[in-house]
Amino acid sequence: MPKVTMIPATINPLTHLPKVAAQKRRVAGYARVSTDSDEQFTSYEAQVDYYTKFIQSKPEWDFVKVYTAYRNTMGFCIMDEIHDNFRH
């Protein structure tokens, strides 16, 4: 019987990137509040803090930013992003 030699794939068929090059996954968080009460602001800060720390704790992830959504005084949903000077 002939001897068969298995040659492992070197290219990921989904990403078309070399399998040996371990790339970090770029990850962003999303936080939202629906009212402007003080409790919601605390919740908002807690969400941003939680997702920032959680994403940054994963060595295989590359933290991008935390996106946010909130309702303004007229009830419209506003999309925003947290800038570096807001994070503690």
Protein backbone atom coordinates (compact mmCIF):
# COMPACT_ATOMS: atom_id res chain seq x y z
CA MET A 1 0.00 0.00 0.00
CA PRO A 2 1.38 3.47 -0.89
CA LYS A 3 2.33 5.85 1.88
CA VAL A 4 0.14 8.99 2.08
CA THR A 5 1.61 12.23 3.38
CA MET A 6 -0.87 14.76 4.79
CA ILE A 7 0.03 18.36 3.97
CA PRO A 8 -1.93 20.76 6.26
CA ALA A 9 -3.53 23.83 4.73
CA THR A 10 -1.60 27.06 5.20
CA ILE A 11 -4.39 29.44 4.12
CA ASN A 12 -7.67 29.88 6.01
CA PRO A 13 -10.44 29.25 3.43
CA LEU A 14 -12.77 31.82 5.05
CA THR A 15 -10.39 34.74 5.51
CA HIS A 16 -7.79 33.84 2.85
CA LEU A 17 -5.11 34.76 5.39
CA PRO A 18 -2.20 32.54 6.38
CA LYS A 19 -3.13 30.26 9.26
CA VAL A 20 0.18 30.92 10.98
CA ALA A 21 -0.52 34.66 11.22
CA ALA A 22 -2.79 34.89 14.24
CA GLN A 23 -4.64 38.16 13.76
CA LYS A 24 -6.50 39.85 16.55
CA ARG A 25 -10.24 40.34 16.12
CA ARG A 26 -11.23 44.02 16.20
CA VAL A 27 -14.03 44.38 18.77
CA ALA A 28 -16.23 47.33 19.76
CA GLY A 29 -18.74 47.61 22.60
CA TYR A 30 -22.23 49.09 22.56
CA ALA A 31 -23.93 50.81 25.51
CA ARG A 32 -27.33 52.49 25.62
CA VAL A 33 -29.71 54.29 27.95
CA SER A 34 -33.31 55.23 27.26
CA THR A 35 -33.94 58.00 29.81
CA ASP A 36 -32.00 60.89 31.27
CA SER A 37 -32.49 59.94 34.93
CA ASP A 38 -29.50 59.82 37.29
CA GLU A 39 -29.83 56.04 37.64
CA GLN A 40 -29.57 55.63 33.89
CA PHE A 41 -26.42 57.78 33.77
CA THR A 42 -24.81 55.54 36.39
CA SER A 43 -25.91 52.52 34.34
CA TYR A 44 -24.45 54.13 31.22
CA GLU A 45 -21.08 54.68 32.88
CA ALA A 46 -21.14 51.13 34.27
CA GLN A 47 -21.89 49.68 30.83
CA VAL A 48 -19.09 51.61 29.17
CA ASP A 49 -16.65 50.64 31.92
CA TYR A 50 -17.70 46.97 31.83
CA TYR A 51 -17.41 46.56 28.05
CA THR A 52 -14.14 48.48 27.87
CA LYS A 53 -12.52 46.30 30.53
CA PHE A 54 -14.08 43.07 29.21
CA ILE A 55 -12.86 43.59 25.65
CA GLN A 56 -9.42 44.74 26.77
CA SER A 57 -9.07 41.63 28.98
CA LYS A 58 -9.12 39.34 25.94
CA PRO A 59 -5.59 39.05 24.50
CA GLU A 60 -6.92 37.80 21.15
CA TRP A 61 -9.15 40.91 20.74
CA ASP A 62 -8.16 44.40 19.63
CA PHE A 63 -10.29 47.02 21.43
CA VAL A 64 -11.67 49.59 18.96
CA LYS A 65 -14.13 51.80 20.91
CA VAL A 66 -17.46 51.80 22.73
CA TYR A 67 -20.42 53.07 20.73
CA THR A 68 -23.35 54.53 22.61
CA ALA A 69 -26.98 55.41 22.04
CA TYR A 70 -29.18 57.61 24.20
CA ARG A 71 -32.42 59.53 23.91
CA ASN A 72 -32.29 63.30 23.85
CA THR A 73 -34.90 65.58 25.46
CA MET A 74 -37.12 65.35 22.37
CA GLY A 75 -37.10 61.54 22.45
CA PHE A 76 -34.82 60.99 19.46
CA CYS A 77 -32.24 58.25 19.64
CA ILE A 78 -28.74 59.69 19.23
CA MET A 79 -25.79 57.51 18.25
CA ASP A 80 -22.47 58.63 19.65
CA GLU A 81 -19.12 57.21 20.57
CA ILE A 82 -17.12 57.43 23.74
CA HIS A 83 -13.87 59.31 23.23
CA ASP A 84 -10.67 58.41 25.03
CA ASN A 85 -10.87 61.43 27.36
CA PHE A 86 -14.20 60.13 28.78
CA ARG A 87 -12.78 56.76 29.87
CA HIS A 88 -11.26 56.49 33.34
